Amino acid sequence: MVPPISLRTRRAIDDRIDRLRERYGQFPVVDATRLNDPEFFEHGVEMFESGGRGAAGARVTDDDGRLLLIRDDRDPETWVLPGGGHEPGETFPETARREVREETGVDCEVSSVWRAVRKRFVHREQPQRRGYLLELFFTADAVGGEAGVYPNRLEEGEEVLEVRWFDDVPANAIPVVEDRTAPPVV
């Protein structure tokens, strides 16, 4: 008998956290719960079943110590770290590098885990149905590319509105930009 999705996803995510700690050392893991509408819940299950395990991004700095942030269409007034969905077959560091490149035009190399969020997703109408995904942000160094310049930047419906380097974290940045243990935005 196949274990329930809640057990399979929790084991897989905890195993991934353990492997990342073996490679990168200790880092904070913040737990979060999100109630999902049935369709979005099923999307999370499908993502897991196909090999996706969540999302990854990076807290990228350049040689001058500036921080790379983006504004996107989900919350256009807020600066966030670049990142996005983990694809089947990728490692989380590969996901972070790909997402940073796609969203900003900057190539980066990850050096450590900035923070992890173990996200429990719960079916809104059947709360006994739940699963887990992992959201990771790495610390990374810029190694090439140019902020704001990449092939898909000018496509209609672009989700990234602005890419910018900052000497100081702006007041309208999400808390995780500075505080790796801040409660997640779910």
C-alpha atoms as a PDB file:
ATOM      1  CA  MET A   1       0.000   0.000   0.000  1.00  0.00           C
ATOM      2  CA  VAL A   2       1.276   3.462  -0.944  1.00  0.00           C
ATOM      3  CA  PRO A   3       1.651   5.787   2.071  1.00  0.00           C
ATOM      4  CA  PRO A   4      -0.573   8.896   2.037  1.00  0.00           C
ATOM      5  CA  ILE A   5       0.697  12.010   0.284  1.00  0.00           C
ATOM      6  CA  SER A   6       1.200  13.760   3.634  1.00  0.00           C
ATOM      7  CA  LEU A   7       3.654  11.093   4.783  1.00  0.00           C
ATOM      8  CA  ARG A   8       5.454  10.742   1.429  1.00  0.00           C
ATOM      9  CA  THR A   9       5.906  14.487   1.002  1.00  0.00           C
ATOM     10  CA  ARG A  10       7.030  15.076   4.592  1.00  0.00           C
ATOM     11  CA  ARG A  11       9.610  12.281   4.367  1.00  0.00           C
ATOM     12  CA  ALA A  12      10.910  13.558   1.025  1.00  0.00           C
ATOM     13  CA  ILE A  13      11.202  17.154   2.236  1.00  0.00           C
ATOM     14  CA  ASP A  14      12.862  16.210   5.537  1.00  0.00           C
ATOM     15  CA  ASP A  15      15.287  13.972   3.631  1.00  0.00           C
ATOM     16  CA  ARG A  16      16.124  16.850   1.285  1.00  0.00           C
ATOM     17  CA  ILE A  17      16.735  19.176   4.254  1.00  0.00           C
ATOM     18  CA  ASP A  18      19.064  16.577   5.827  1.00  0.00           C
ATOM     19  CA  ARG A  19      21.041  16.211   2.574  1.00  0.00           C
ATOM     20  CA  LEU A  20      21.332  19.979   2.184  1.00  0.00           C
ATOM     21  CA  ARG A  21      22.619  20.269   5.773  1.00  0.00           C
ATOM     22  CA  GLU A  22      25.233  17.593   5.047  1.00  0.00           C
ATOM     23  CA  ARG A  23      26.462  19.689   2.132  1.00  0.00           C
ATOM     24  CA  TYR A  24      26.018  23.268   3.410  1.00  0.00           C
ATOM     25  CA  GLY A  25      25.908  22.992   7.206  1.00  0.00           C
ATOM     26  CA  GLN A  26      23.153  24.215   9.505  1.00  0.00           C
ATOM     27  CA  PHE A  27      20.533  26.723   8.382  1.00  0.00           C
ATOM     28  CA  PRO A  28      17.156  27.831   9.740  1.00  0.00           C
ATOM     29  CA  VAL A  29      14.015  25.935   8.732  1.00  0.00           C
ATOM     30  CA  VAL A  30      10.784  27.859   9.167  1.00  0.00           C
ATOM     31  CA  ASP A  31       7.469  25.975   9.088  1.00  0.00           C
ATOM     32  CA  ALA A  32       4.435  27.457   7.351  1.00  0.00           C
ATOM     33  CA  THR A  33       0.921  26.257   6.586  1.00  0.00           C
ATOM     34  CA  ARG A  34      -1.195  27.377   3.669  1.00  0.00           C
ATOM     35  CA  LEU A  35      -4.827  26.517   3.027  1.00  0.00           C
ATOM     36  CA  ASN A  36      -5.303  25.767  -0.669  1.00  0.00           C
ATOM     37  CA  ASP A  37      -8.388  25.717  -2.817  1.00  0.00           C
ATOM     38  CA  PRO A  38      -8.967  22.200  -4.221  1.00  0.00           C
ATOM     39  CA  GLU A  39      -7.484  22.980  -7.636  1.00  0.00           C
ATOM     40  CA  PHE A  40      -4.316  24.521  -6.201  1.00  0.00           C
ATOM     41  CA  PHE A  41      -3.970  21.654  -3.718  1.00  0.00           C
ATOM     42  CA  GLU A  42      -4.079  19.151  -6.590  1.00  0.00           C
ATOM     43  CA  HIS A  43      -1.448  21.215  -8.402  1.00  0.00           C
ATOM     44  CA  GLY A  44       0.859  20.768  -5.381  1.00  0.00           C
ATOM     45  CA  VAL A  45       0.249  17.007  -5.371  1.00  0.00           C
ATOM     46  CA  GLU A  46       0.904  16.812  -9.131  1.00  0.00           C
ATOM     47  CA  MET A  47       4.087  18.847  -8.711  1.00  0.00           C
ATOM     48  CA  PHE A  48       5.343  16.425  -6.068  1.00  0.00           C
ATOM     49  CA  GLU A  49       4.339  13.303  -8.020  1.00  0.00           C
ATOM     50  CA  SER A  50       6.183  14.569 -11.114  1.00  0.00           C
ATOM     51  CA  GLY A  51       9.385  15.181  -9.122  1.00  0.00           C
ATOM     52  CA  GLY A  52       9.041  18.862  -8.229  1.00  0.00           C
ATOM     53  CA  ARG A  53       9.681  19.587  -4.577  1.00  0.00           C
ATOM     54  CA  GLY A  54       8.839  23.271  -4.187  1.00  0.00           C
ATOM     55  CA  ALA A  55      10.802  26.381  -5.110  1.00  0.00           C
ATOM     56  CA  ALA A  56      14.249  27.938  -4.836  1.00  0.00           C
ATOM     57  CA  GLY A  57      15.880  31.295  -5.227  1.00  0.00           C
ATOM     58  CA  ALA A  58      18.895  33.201  -4.029  1.00  0.00           C
ATOM     59  CA  ARG A  59      20.083  36.172  -2.030  1.00  0.00           C
ATOM     60  CA  VAL A  60      22.635  37.338  -4.615  1.00  0.00           C
ATOM     61  CA  THR A  61      25.343  39.913  -3.924  1.00  0.00           C
ATOM     62  CA  ASP A  62      27.946  41.358  -6.272  1.00  0.00           C
ATOM     63  CA  ASP A  63      31.623  42.216  -5.731  1.00  0.00           C
ATOM     64  CA  ASP A  64      30.587  45.589  -4.259  1.00  0.00           C
ATOM     65  CA  GLY A  65      28.306  43.944  -1.692  1.00  0.00           C
ATOM     66  CA  ARG A  66      25.127  45.136  -3.399  1.00  0.00           C
ATOM     67  CA  LEU A  67      21.998  42.976  -3.124  1.00  0.00           C
ATOM     68  CA  LEU A  68      19.959  41.886  -6.170  1.00  0.00           C
ATOM     69  CA  LEU A  69      16.181  42.243  -5.767  1.00  0.00           C
ATOM     70  CA  ILE A  70      13.138  42.162  -8.025  1.00  0.00           C
ATOM     71  CA  ARG A  71       9.598  43.496  -8.027  1.00  0.00           C
ATOM     72  CA  ASP A  72       7.002  41.223  -9.591  1.00  0.00           C
ATOM     73  CA  ASP A  73       3.368  41.433 -10.600  1.00  0.00           C
ATOM     74  CA  ARG A  74       2.099  39.559  -7.521  1.00  0.00           C
ATOM     75  CA  ASP A  75       3.000  42.479  -5.221  1.00  0.00           C
ATOM     76  CA  PRO A  76       4.358  45.313  -7.376  1.00  0.00           C
ATOM     77  CA  GLU A  77       5.228  47.618  -4.473  1.00  0.00           C
ATOM     78  CA  THR A  78       7.456  45.094  -2.679  1.00  0.00           C
ATOM     79  CA  TRP A  79      11.051  44.047  -3.389  1.00  0.00           C
ATOM     80  CA  VAL A  80      11.719  40.300  -3.142  1.00  0.00           C
ATOM     81  CA  LEU A  81      14.504  37.809  -3.729  1.00  0.00           C
ATOM     82  CA  PRO A  82      14.475  36.218  -7.197  1.00  0.00           C
ATOM     83  CA  GLY A  83      13.308  32.609  -7.325  1.00  0.00           C
ATOM     84  CA  GLY A  84      10.710  30.188  -8.606  1.00  0.00           C
ATOM     85  CA  GLY A  85       9.512  26.642  -9.088  1.00  0.00           C
ATOM     86  CA  HIS A  86      11.704  23.562  -8.685  1.00  0.00           C
ATOM     87  CA  GLU A  87      11.510  21.408 -11.811  1.00  0.00           C
ATOM     88  CA  PRO A  88      11.751  17.614 -11.894  1.00  0.00           C
ATOM     89  CA  GLY A  89      15.337  16.433 -12.290  1.00  0.00           C
ATOM     90  CA  GLU A  90      16.894  19.646 -10.960  1.00  0.00           C
ATOM     91  CA  THR A  91      18.757  20.041  -7.719  1.00  0.00           C
ATOM     92  CA  PHE A  92      17.645  22.984  -5.602  1.00  0.00           C
ATOM     93  CA  PRO A  93      20.900  24.884  -6.330  1.00  0.00           C
ATOM     94  CA  GLU A  94      20.243  24.373 -10.064  1.00  0.00           C
ATOM     95  CA  THR A  95      16.717  25.724  -9.614  1.00  0.00           C
ATOM     96  CA  ALA A  96      18.035  28.795  -7.793  1.00  0.00           C
ATOM     97  CA  ARG A  97      20.640  29.508 -10.491  1.00  0.00           C
ATOM     98  CA  ARG A  98      18.106  29.024 -13.312  1.00  0.00           C
ATOM     99  CA  GLU A  99      15.454  31.187 -11.666  1.00  0.00           C
ATOM    100  CA  VAL A 100      17.903  33.996 -10.861  1.00  0.00           C
ATOM    101  CA  ARG A 101      19.098  33.961 -14.486  1.00  0.00           C
ATOM    102  CA  GLU A 102      15.548  33.866 -15.905  1.00  0.00           C
ATOM    103  CA  GLU A 103      14.229  36.620 -13.657  1.00  0.00           C
ATOM    104  CA  THR A 104      17.216  38.956 -13.519  1.00  0.00           C
ATOM    105  CA  GLY A 105      19.733  38.188 -16.271  1.00  0.00           C
ATOM    106  CA  VAL A 106      22.429  37.572 -13.633  1.00  0.00           C
ATOM    107  CA  ASP A 107      24.430  34.346 -13.370  1.00  0.00           C
ATOM    108  CA  CYS A 108      25.244  33.268  -9.829  1.00  0.00           C
ATOM    109  CA  GLU A 109      27.002  30.590  -7.810  1.00  0.00           C
ATOM    110  CA  VAL A 110      25.397  29.427  -4.590  1.00  0.00           C
ATOM    111  CA  SER A 111      27.580  29.108  -1.506  1.00  0.00           C
ATOM    112  CA  SER A 112      25.219  28.284   1.366  1.00  0.00           C
ATOM    113  CA  VAL A 113      21.559  27.992   2.329  1.00  0.00           C
ATOM    114  CA  TRP A 114      20.141  31.342   3.470  1.00  0.00           C
ATOM    115  CA  ARG A 115      16.891  29.785   4.726  1.00  0.00           C
ATOM    116  CA  ALA A 116      14.395  27.008   4.182  1.00  0.00           C
ATOM    117  CA  VAL A 117      10.627  27.018   4.537  1.00  0.00           C
ATOM    118  CA  ARG A 118       8.883  23.671   4.995  1.00  0.00           C
ATOM    119  CA  LYS A 119       5.459  24.514   3.557  1.00  0.00           C
ATOM    120  CA  ARG A 120       2.521  22.378   4.561  1.00  0.00           C
ATOM    121  CA  PHE A 121      -0.263  22.758   2.015  1.00  0.00           C
ATOM    122  CA  VAL A 122      -3.754  21.825   3.217  1.00  0.00           C
ATOM    123  CA  HIS A 123      -6.879  21.155   1.150  1.00  0.00           C
ATOM    124  CA  ARG A 124      -9.326  23.890   2.190  1.00  0.00           C
ATOM    125  CA  GLU A 125     -12.419  21.651   1.941  1.00  0.00           C
ATOM    126  CA  GLN A 126     -10.815  18.427   3.201  1.00  0.00           C
ATOM    127  CA  PRO A 127      -8.253  19.523   5.811  1.00  0.00           C
ATOM    128  CA  GLN A 128      -7.169  15.939   6.505  1.00  0.00           C
ATOM    129  CA  ARG A 129      -5.575  16.067   3.012  1.00  0.00           C
ATOM    130  CA  ARG A 130      -2.217  17.793   3.218  1.00  0.00           C
ATOM    131  CA  GLY A 131       1.280  17.639   1.841  1.00  0.00           C
ATOM    132  CA  TYR A 132       4.665  19.335   2.105  1.00  0.00           C
ATOM    133  CA  LEU A 133       6.888  21.256  -0.272  1.00  0.00           C
ATOM    134  CA  LEU A 134      10.187  23.046   0.333  1.00  0.00           C
ATOM    135  CA  GLU A 135      11.093  26.647  -0.419  1.00  0.00           C
ATOM    136  CA  LEU A 136      14.828  27.366  -0.302  1.00  0.00           C
ATOM    137  CA  PHE A 137      16.829  30.530  -0.636  1.00  0.00           C
ATOM    138  CA  PHE A 138      20.580  30.282  -1.075  1.00  0.00           C
ATOM    139  CA  THR A 139      23.316  32.807  -0.456  1.00  0.00           C
ATOM    140  CA  ALA A 140      24.970  33.405  -3.826  1.00  0.00           C
ATOM    141  CA  ASP A 141      27.607  35.483  -5.570  1.00  0.00           C
ATOM    142  CA  ALA A 142      27.015  37.152  -8.932  1.00  0.00           C
ATOM    143  CA  VAL A 143      29.449  35.701 -11.481  1.00  0.00           C
ATOM    144  CA  GLY A 144      28.204  37.159 -14.775  1.00  0.00           C
ATOM    145  CA  GLY A 145      25.319  38.442 -16.808  1.00  0.00           C
ATOM    146  CA  GLU A 146      23.705  41.847 -16.604  1.00  0.00           C
ATOM    147  CA  ALA A 147      20.804  42.752 -14.316  1.00  0.00           C
ATOM    148  CA  GLY A 148      17.576  43.294 -16.213  1.00  0.00           C
ATOM    149  CA  VAL A 149      18.848  41.949 -19.535  1.00  0.00           C
ATOM    150  CA  TYR A 150      17.738  38.508 -20.663  1.00  0.00           C
ATOM    151  CA  PRO A 151      15.980  37.040 -23.726  1.00  0.00           C
ATOM    152  CA  ASN A 152      12.439  36.858 -22.335  1.00  0.00           C
ATOM    153  CA  ARG A 153      12.474  40.208 -20.517  1.00  0.00           C
ATOM    154  CA  LEU A 154      10.139  42.019 -22.878  1.00  0.00           C
ATOM    155  CA  GLU A 155       7.501  39.324 -23.349  1.00  0.00           C
ATOM    156  CA  GLU A 156       3.886  40.334 -22.854  1.00  0.00           C
ATOM    157  CA  GLY A 157       2.639  39.292 -19.422  1.00  0.00           C
ATOM    158  CA  GLU A 158       6.133  39.381 -17.926  1.00  0.00           C
ATOM    159  CA  GLU A 159       5.915  38.699 -14.194  1.00  0.00           C
ATOM    160  CA  VAL A 160       9.123  40.558 -13.270  1.00  0.00           C
ATOM    161  CA  LEU A 161       8.506  44.299 -13.311  1.00  0.00           C
ATOM    162  CA  GLU A 162      11.918  45.562 -12.204  1.00  0.00           C
ATOM    163  CA  VAL A 163      15.383  44.249 -11.368  1.00  0.00           C
ATOM    164  CA  ARG A 164      17.793  46.348  -9.313  1.00  0.00           C
ATOM    165  CA  TRP A 165      21.003  46.208  -7.283  1.00  0.00           C
ATOM    166  CA  PHE A 166      20.764  47.808  -3.813  1.00  0.00           C
ATOM    167  CA  ASP A 167      23.508  49.105  -1.512  1.00  0.00           C
ATOM    168  CA  ASP A 168      21.014  49.005   1.378  1.00  0.00           C
ATOM    169  CA  VAL A 169      17.870  46.917   1.730  1.00  0.00           C
ATOM    170  CA  PRO A 170      14.882  49.105   0.816  1.00  0.00           C
ATOM    171  CA  ALA A 171      12.151  49.687   3.399  1.00  0.00           C
ATOM    172  CA  ASN A 172       9.592  48.026   1.131  1.00  0.00           C
ATOM    173  CA  ALA A 173      11.441  44.687   0.899  1.00  0.00           C
ATOM    174  CA  ILE A 174       9.945  41.528   2.390  1.00  0.00           C
ATOM    175  CA  PRO A 175      11.449  40.733   5.829  1.00  0.00           C
ATOM    176  CA  VAL A 176      13.307  37.585   4.676  1.00  0.00           C
ATOM    177  CA  VAL A 177      15.634  39.765   2.603  1.00  0.00           C
ATOM    178  CA  GLU A 178      17.363  40.757   5.870  1.00  0.00           C
ATOM    179  CA  ASP A 179      16.096  38.260   8.461  1.00  0.00           C
ATOM    180  CA  ARG A 180      16.548  34.596   7.576  1.00  0.00           C
ATOM    181  CA  THR A 181      14.191  33.515  10.376  1.00  0.00           C
ATOM    182  CA  ALA A 182      11.344  35.927   9.511  1.00  0.00           C
ATOM    183  CA  PRO A 183       7.905  34.338   9.177  1.00  0.00           C
ATOM    184  CA  PRO A 184       7.242  33.389   5.558  1.00  0.00           C
ATOM    185  CA  VAL A 185       4.801  35.201   3.340  1.00  0.00           C
ATOM    186  CA  VAL A 186       2.281  32.485   2.433  1.00  0.00           C
END
